[in-house]
Amino acid sequence: MFFFLYVGVKVALRGWVVIFMRRERAGGDFASGMVATGFWIGITLGRLVLGFATPRLGEKLAVLVSYEMITT
């Protein structure tokens, strides 16, 4: 159930962010699409990096580092 909810939220967010950038931020088609592309690249890179870093750092420290990167 969690997996379907997670995938559904990601797909909905992907479509919404382009519309938001175009309507509210007056972005062009290409620039708005690039924002969504940057979002997906960020998720992919984060998974790749944390996939290798987490076993070396430990789960608690990896979560702390991730949280600090998000909040700064």
PDB file of N, CA and C in Angstrom:
ATOM      1  N   MET A   1       0.830  -1.192   0.000  1.00  0.00           N
ATOM      2  CA  MET A   1       0.000   0.000   0.000  1.00  0.00           C
ATOM      3  C   MET A   1       0.876   1.257   0.000  1.00  0.00           C
ATOM      4  N   PHE A   2       1.924   1.232   0.829  1.00  0.00           N
ATOM      5  CA  PHE A   2       2.820   2.380   0.895  1.00  0.00           C
ATOM      6  C   PHE A   2       3.465   2.638  -0.459  1.00  0.00           C
ATOM      7  N   PHE A   3       3.868   1.592  -1.154  1.00  0.00           N
ATOM      8  CA  PHE A   3       4.519   1.737  -2.457  1.00  0.00           C
ATOM      9  C   PHE A   3       3.603   2.447  -3.447  1.00  0.00           C
ATOM     10  N   PHE A   4       2.342   2.045  -3.514  1.00  0.00           N
ATOM     11  CA  PHE A   4       1.411   2.672  -4.446  1.00  0.00           C
ATOM     12  C   PHE A   4       1.145   4.127  -4.074  1.00  0.00           C
ATOM     13  N   LEU A   5       1.070   4.414  -2.803  1.00  0.00           N
ATOM     14  CA  LEU A   5       0.893   5.797  -2.363  1.00  0.00           C
ATOM     15  C   LEU A   5       2.110   6.634  -2.730  1.00  0.00           C
ATOM     16  N   TYR A   6       3.301   6.080  -2.493  1.00  0.00           N
ATOM     17  CA  TYR A   6       4.552   6.774  -2.807  1.00  0.00           C
ATOM     18  C   TYR A   6       4.666   7.078  -4.303  1.00  0.00           C
ATOM     19  N   VAL A   7       4.404   6.089  -5.126  1.00  0.00           N
ATOM     20  CA  VAL A   7       4.484   6.277  -6.575  1.00  0.00           C
ATOM     21  C   VAL A   7       3.425   7.276  -7.032  1.00  0.00           C
ATOM     22  N   GLY A   8       2.244   7.187  -6.484  1.00  0.00           N
ATOM     23  CA  GLY A   8       1.177   8.112  -6.853  1.00  0.00           C
ATOM     24  C   GLY A   8       1.524   9.555  -6.518  1.00  0.00           C
ATOM     25  N   VAL A   9       2.101   9.776  -5.365  1.00  0.00           N
ATOM     26  CA  VAL A   9       2.495  11.133  -4.973  1.00  0.00           C
ATOM     27  C   VAL A   9       3.593  11.651  -5.896  1.00  0.00           C
ATOM     28  N   LYS A  10       4.566  10.818  -6.237  1.00  0.00           N
ATOM     29  CA  LYS A  10       5.647  11.258  -7.128  1.00  0.00           C
ATOM     30  C   LYS A  10       5.121  11.631  -8.507  1.00  0.00           C
ATOM     31  N   VAL A  11       4.238  10.827  -9.042  1.00  0.00           N
ATOM     32  CA  VAL A  11       3.695  11.103 -10.372  1.00  0.00           C
ATOM     33  C   VAL A  11       2.837  12.362 -10.347  1.00  0.00           C
ATOM     34  N   ALA A  12       2.045  12.525  -9.311  1.00  0.00           N
ATOM     35  CA  ALA A  12       1.216  13.727  -9.197  1.00  0.00           C
ATOM     36  C   ALA A  12       2.080  14.973  -9.053  1.00  0.00           C
ATOM     37  N   LEU A  13       3.127  14.877  -8.251  1.00  0.00           N
ATOM     38  CA  LEU A  13       4.029  16.010  -8.053  1.00  0.00           C
ATOM     39  C   LEU A  13       4.743  16.371  -9.353  1.00  0.00           C
ATOM     40  N   ARG A  14       5.120  15.368 -10.125  1.00  0.00           N
ATOM     41  CA  ARG A  14       5.800  15.612 -11.394  1.00  0.00           C
ATOM     42  C   ARG A  14       4.929  16.462 -12.320  1.00  0.00           C
ATOM     43  N   GLY A  15       3.661  16.120 -12.416  1.00  0.00           N
ATOM     44  CA  GLY A  15       2.766  16.886 -13.271  1.00  0.00           C
ATOM     45  C   GLY A  15       2.432  18.249 -12.701  1.00  0.00           C
ATOM     46  N   TRP A  16       2.300  18.326 -11.393  1.00  0.00           N
ATOM     47  CA  TRP A  16       1.908  19.573 -10.761  1.00  0.00           C
ATOM     48  C   TRP A  16       3.008  20.619 -10.812  1.00  0.00           C
ATOM     49  N   VAL A  17       4.264  20.222 -10.656  1.00  0.00           N
ATOM     50  CA  VAL A  17       5.349  21.203 -10.575  1.00  0.00           C
ATOM     51  C   VAL A  17       5.492  21.968 -11.892  1.00  0.00           C
ATOM     52  N   VAL A  18       5.275  21.326 -13.007  1.00  0.00           N
ATOM     53  CA  VAL A  18       5.362  22.022 -14.294  1.00  0.00           C
ATOM     54  C   VAL A  18       4.220  23.033 -14.413  1.00  0.00           C
ATOM     55  N   ILE A  19       3.034  22.633 -14.060  1.00  0.00           N
ATOM     56  CA  ILE A  19       1.888  23.552 -14.118  1.00  0.00           C
ATOM     57  C   ILE A  19       2.087  24.713 -13.157  1.00  0.00           C
ATOM     58  N   PHE A  20       2.576  24.433 -11.959  1.00  0.00           N
ATOM     59  CA  PHE A  20       2.830  25.490 -10.976  1.00  0.00           C
ATOM     60  C   PHE A  20       3.846  26.494 -11.508  1.00  0.00           C
ATOM     61  N   MET A  21       4.938  25.997 -12.065  1.00  0.00           N
ATOM     62  CA  MET A  21       5.976  26.899 -12.570  1.00  0.00           C
ATOM     63  C   MET A  21       5.458  27.761 -13.711  1.00  0.00           C
ATOM     64  N   ARG A  22       4.614  27.216 -14.541  1.00  0.00           N
ATOM     65  CA  ARG A  22       4.075  27.981 -15.664  1.00  0.00           C
ATOM     66  C   ARG A  22       3.051  29.009 -15.206  1.00  0.00           C
ATOM     67  N   ARG A  23       2.151  28.622 -14.326  1.00  0.00           N
ATOM     68  CA  ARG A  23       1.074  29.529 -13.905  1.00  0.00           C
ATOM     69  C   ARG A  23       1.527  30.556 -12.873  1.00  0.00           C
ATOM     70  N   GLU A  24       2.118  30.100 -11.803  1.00  0.00           N
ATOM     71  CA  GLU A  24       2.426  30.974 -10.669  1.00  0.00           C
ATOM     72  C   GLU A  24       3.752  31.702 -10.803  1.00  0.00           C
ATOM     73  N   ARG A  25       4.714  31.104 -11.466  1.00  0.00           N
ATOM     74  CA  ARG A  25       6.040  31.707 -11.589  1.00  0.00           C
ATOM     75  C   ARG A  25       6.310  32.245 -12.984  1.00  0.00           C
ATOM     76  N   ALA A  26       5.321  32.180 -13.847  1.00  0.00           N
ATOM     77  CA  ALA A  26       5.402  32.712 -15.214  1.00  0.00           C
ATOM     78  C   ALA A  26       6.609  32.161 -15.970  1.00  0.00           C
ATOM     79  N   GLY A  27       6.860  30.879 -15.783  1.00  0.00           N
ATOM     80  CA  GLY A  27       7.979  30.234 -16.469  1.00  0.00           C
ATOM     81  C   GLY A  27       7.586  29.803 -17.867  1.00  0.00           C
ATOM     82  N   GLY A  28       8.562  29.713 -18.719  1.00  0.00           N
ATOM     83  CA  GLY A  28       8.324  29.204 -20.061  1.00  0.00           C
ATOM     84  C   GLY A  28       8.180  27.690 -20.043  1.00  0.00           C
ATOM     85  N   ASP A  29       7.783  27.153 -21.178  1.00  0.00           N
ATOM     86  CA  ASP A  29       7.601  25.708 -21.264  1.00  0.00           C
ATOM     87  C   ASP A  29       8.895  24.958 -20.988  1.00  0.00           C
ATOM     88  N   PHE A  30       9.990  25.378 -21.621  1.00  0.00           N
ATOM     89  CA  PHE A  30      11.258  24.683 -21.475  1.00  0.00           C
ATOM     90  C   PHE A  30      11.784  24.799 -20.046  1.00  0.00           C
ATOM     91  N   ALA A  31      11.772  26.001 -19.495  1.00  0.00           N
ATOM     92  CA  ALA A  31      12.286  26.210 -18.141  1.00  0.00           C
ATOM     93  C   ALA A  31      11.472  25.429 -17.114  1.00  0.00           C
ATOM     94  N   SER A  32      10.162  25.400 -17.275  1.00  0.00           N
ATOM     95  CA  SER A  32       9.320  24.653 -16.350  1.00  0.00           C
ATOM     96  C   SER A  32       9.598  23.157 -16.441  1.00  0.00           C
ATOM     97  N   GLY A  33       9.819  22.676 -17.640  1.00  0.00           N
ATOM     98  CA  GLY A  33      10.169  21.271 -17.816  1.00  0.00           C
ATOM     99  C   GLY A  33      11.519  20.937 -17.211  1.00  0.00           C
ATOM    100  N   MET A  34      12.445  21.888 -17.275  1.00  0.00           N
ATOM    101  CA  MET A  34      13.772  21.659 -16.699  1.00  0.00           C
ATOM    102  C   MET A  34      13.720  21.581 -15.172  1.00  0.00           C
ATOM    103  N   VAL A  35      12.800  22.305 -14.566  1.00  0.00           N
ATOM    104  CA  VAL A  35      12.633  22.213 -13.115  1.00  0.00           C
ATOM    105  C   VAL A  35      12.211  20.788 -12.734  1.00  0.00           C
ATOM    106  N   ALA A  36      11.261  20.246 -13.472  1.00  0.00           N
ATOM    107  CA  ALA A  36      10.831  18.870 -13.205  1.00  0.00           C
ATOM    108  C   ALA A  36      11.965  17.886 -13.465  1.00  0.00           C
ATOM    109  N   THR A  37      12.740  18.128 -14.510  1.00  0.00           N
ATOM    110  CA  THR A  37      13.884  17.269 -14.806  1.00  0.00           C
ATOM    111  C   THR A  37      14.909  17.330 -13.683  1.00  0.00           C
ATOM    112  N   GLY A  38      15.165  18.526 -13.165  1.00  0.00           N
ATOM    113  CA  GLY A  38      16.088  18.680 -12.046  1.00  0.00           C
ATOM    114  C   GLY A  38      15.610  17.940 -10.807  1.00  0.00           C
ATOM    115  N   PHE A  39      14.313  17.947 -10.584  1.00  0.00           N
ATOM    116  CA  PHE A  39      13.729  17.211  -9.465  1.00  0.00           C
ATOM    117  C   PHE A  39      14.036  15.723  -9.574  1.00  0.00           C
ATOM    118  N   TRP A  40      13.802  15.151 -10.760  1.00  0.00           N
ATOM    119  CA  TRP A  40      14.033  13.715 -10.961  1.00  0.00           C
ATOM    120  C   TRP A  40      15.521  13.377 -10.924  1.00  0.00           C
ATOM    121  N   ILE A  41      16.357  14.240 -11.461  1.00  0.00           N
ATOM    122  CA  ILE A  41      17.802  14.000 -11.396  1.00  0.00           C
ATOM    123  C   ILE A  41      18.272  14.042  -9.944  1.00  0.00           C
ATOM    124  N   GLY A  42      17.740  14.978  -9.170  1.00  0.00           N
ATOM    125  CA  GLY A  42      18.099  15.059  -7.762  1.00  0.00           C
ATOM    126  C   GLY A  42      17.708  13.809  -6.994  1.00  0.00           C
ATOM    127  N   ILE A  43      16.525  13.283  -7.254  1.00  0.00           N
ATOM    128  CA  ILE A  43      16.100  12.047  -6.597  1.00  0.00           C
ATOM    129  C   ILE A  43      17.025  10.898  -6.985  1.00  0.00           C
ATOM    130  N   THR A  44      17.341  10.799  -8.271  1.00  0.00           N
ATOM    131  CA  THR A  44      18.192   9.711  -8.747  1.00  0.00           C
ATOM    132  C   THR A  44      19.592   9.798  -8.153  1.00  0.00           C
ATOM    133  N   LEU A  45      20.189  10.977  -8.181  1.00  0.00           N
ATOM    134  CA  LEU A  45      21.532  11.134  -7.619  1.00  0.00           C
ATOM    135  C   LEU A  45      21.549  10.885  -6.116  1.00  0.00           C
ATOM    136  N   GLY A  46      20.522  11.335  -5.435  1.00  0.00           N
ATOM    137  CA  GLY A  46      20.436  11.104  -4.003  1.00  0.00           C
ATOM    138  C   GLY A  46      20.376   9.624  -3.671  1.00  0.00           C
ATOM    139  N   ARG A  47      19.610   8.880  -4.441  1.00  0.00           N
ATOM    140  CA  ARG A  47      19.531   7.433  -4.205  1.00  0.00           C
ATOM    141  C   ARG A  47      20.858   6.754  -4.494  1.00  0.00           C
ATOM    142  N   LEU A  48      21.518   7.171  -5.566  1.00  0.00           N
ATOM    143  CA  LEU A  48      22.804   6.570  -5.897  1.00  0.00           C
ATOM    144  C   LEU A  48      23.852   6.863  -4.825  1.00  0.00           C
ATOM    145  N   VAL A  49      23.966   8.122  -4.449  1.00  0.00           N
ATOM    146  CA  VAL A  49      24.979   8.517  -3.473  1.00  0.00           C
ATOM    147  C   VAL A  49      24.699   7.878  -2.117  1.00  0.00           C
ATOM    148  N   LEU A  50      23.454   7.981  -1.661  1.00  0.00           N
ATOM    149  CA  LEU A  50      23.131   7.426  -0.348  1.00  0.00           C
ATOM    150  C   LEU A  50      23.163   5.907  -0.333  1.00  0.00           C
ATOM    151  N   GLY A  51      22.966   5.283  -1.488  1.00  0.00           N
ATOM    152  CA  GLY A  51      23.065   3.832  -1.545  1.00  0.00           C
ATOM    153  C   GLY A  51      24.463   3.339  -1.216  1.00  0.00           C
ATOM    154  N   PHE A  52      25.467   4.104  -1.609  1.00  0.00           N
ATOM    155  CA  PHE A  52      26.847   3.734  -1.304  1.00  0.00           C
ATOM    156  C   PHE A  52      27.314   4.304   0.038  1.00  0.00           C
ATOM    157  N   ALA A  53      26.801   5.462   0.400  1.00  0.00           N
ATOM    158  CA  ALA A  53      27.288   6.128   1.610  1.00  0.00           C
ATOM    159  C   ALA A  53      26.671   5.580   2.895  1.00  0.00           C
ATOM    160  N   THR A  54      25.427   5.155   2.845  1.00  0.00           N
ATOM    161  CA  THR A  54      24.730   4.727   4.054  1.00  0.00           C
ATOM    162  C   THR A  54      25.415   3.564   4.769  1.00  0.00           C
ATOM    163  N   PRO A  55      25.844   2.508   4.073  1.00  0.00           N
ATOM    164  CA  PRO A  55      26.517   1.430   4.812  1.00  0.00           C
ATOM    165  C   PRO A  55      27.813   1.888   5.482  1.00  0.00           C
ATOM    166  N   ARG A  56      28.487   2.848   4.903  1.00  0.00           N
ATOM    167  CA  ARG A  56      29.743   3.329   5.489  1.00  0.00           C
ATOM    168  C   ARG A  56      29.503   4.269   6.662  1.00  0.00           C
ATOM    169  N   LEU A  57      28.477   5.102   6.562  1.00  0.00           N
ATOM    170  CA  LEU A  57      28.187   6.068   7.618  1.00  0.00           C
ATOM    171  C   LEU A  57      27.367   5.477   8.758  1.00  0.00           C
ATOM    172  N   GLY A  58      26.543   4.529   8.443  1.00  0.00           N
ATOM    173  CA  GLY A  58      25.548   4.027   9.390  1.00  0.00           C
ATOM    174  C   GLY A  58      24.230   4.737   9.128  1.00  0.00           C
ATOM    175  N   GLU A  59      23.156   4.068   9.447  1.00  0.00           N
ATOM    176  CA  GLU A  59      21.829   4.601   9.108  1.00  0.00           C
ATOM    177  C   GLU A  59      21.504   5.903   9.836  1.00  0.00           C
ATOM    178  N   LYS A  60      21.799   5.963  11.116  1.00  0.00           N
ATOM    179  CA  LYS A  60      21.457   7.160  11.893  1.00  0.00           C
ATOM    180  C   LYS A  60      22.209   8.389  11.388  1.00  0.00           C
ATOM    181  N   LEU A  61      23.502   8.247  11.129  1.00  0.00           N
ATOM    182  CA  LEU A  61      24.290   9.378  10.652  1.00  0.00           C
ATOM    183  C   LEU A  61      23.880   9.768   9.232  1.00  0.00           C
ATOM    184  N   ALA A  62      23.562   8.779   8.389  1.00  0.00           N
ATOM    185  CA  ALA A  62      23.135   9.079   7.024  1.00  0.00           C
ATOM    186  C   ALA A  62      21.820   9.860   7.017  1.00  0.00           C
ATOM    187  N   VAL A  63      20.896   9.482   7.891  1.00  0.00           N
ATOM    188  CA  VAL A  63      19.624  10.212   7.986  1.00  0.00           C
ATOM    189  C   VAL A  63      19.875  11.628   8.491  1.00  0.00           C
ATOM    190  N   LEU A  64      20.735  11.782   9.476  1.00  0.00           N
ATOM    191  CA  LEU A  64      21.059  13.105  10.013  1.00  0.00           C
ATOM    192  C   LEU A  64      21.696  13.992   8.938  1.00  0.00           C
ATOM    193  N   VAL A  65      22.650  13.450   8.198  1.00  0.00           N
ATOM    194  CA  VAL A  65      23.309  14.213   7.131  1.00  0.00           C
ATOM    195  C   VAL A  65      22.299  14.591   6.057  1.00  0.00           C
ATOM    196  N   SER A  66      21.444  13.663   5.666  1.00  0.00           N
ATOM    197  CA  SER A  66      20.422  13.942   4.652  1.00  0.00           C
ATOM    198  C   SER A  66      19.481  15.040   5.113  1.00  0.00           C
ATOM    199  N   TYR A  67      19.065  14.958   6.362  1.00  0.00           N
ATOM    200  CA  TYR A  67      18.164  15.959   6.908  1.00  0.00           C
ATOM    201  C   TYR A  67      18.829  17.335   6.932  1.00  0.00           C
ATOM    202  N   GLU A  68      20.078  17.379   7.317  1.00  0.00           N
ATOM    203  CA  GLU A  68      20.785  18.651   7.354  1.00  0.00           C
ATOM    204  C   GLU A  68      20.950  19.242   5.955  1.00  0.00           C
ATOM    205  N   MET A  69      21.169  18.416   4.966  1.00  0.00           N
ATOM    206  CA  MET A  69      21.310  18.903   3.594  1.00  0.00           C
ATOM    207  C   MET A  69      19.982  19.465   3.086  1.00  0.00           C
ATOM    208  N   ILE A  70      18.881  18.855   3.482  1.00  0.00           N
ATOM    209  CA  ILE A  70      17.572  19.313   3.033  1.00  0.00           C
ATOM    210  C   ILE A  70      17.208  20.642   3.694  1.00  0.00           C
ATOM    211  N   THR A  71      17.530  20.799   4.959  1.00  0.00           N
ATOM    212  CA  THR A  71      17.092  21.983   5.700  1.00  0.00           C
ATOM    213  C   THR A  71      18.000  23.190   5.534  1.00  0.00           C
ATOM    214  N   THR A  72      19.146  23.036   4.908  1.00  0.00           N
ATOM    215  CA  THR A  72      20.018  24.193   4.739  1.00  0.00           C
ATOM    216  C   THR A  72      19.868  24.824   3.403  1.00  0.00           C
TER     217      THR A  72
END
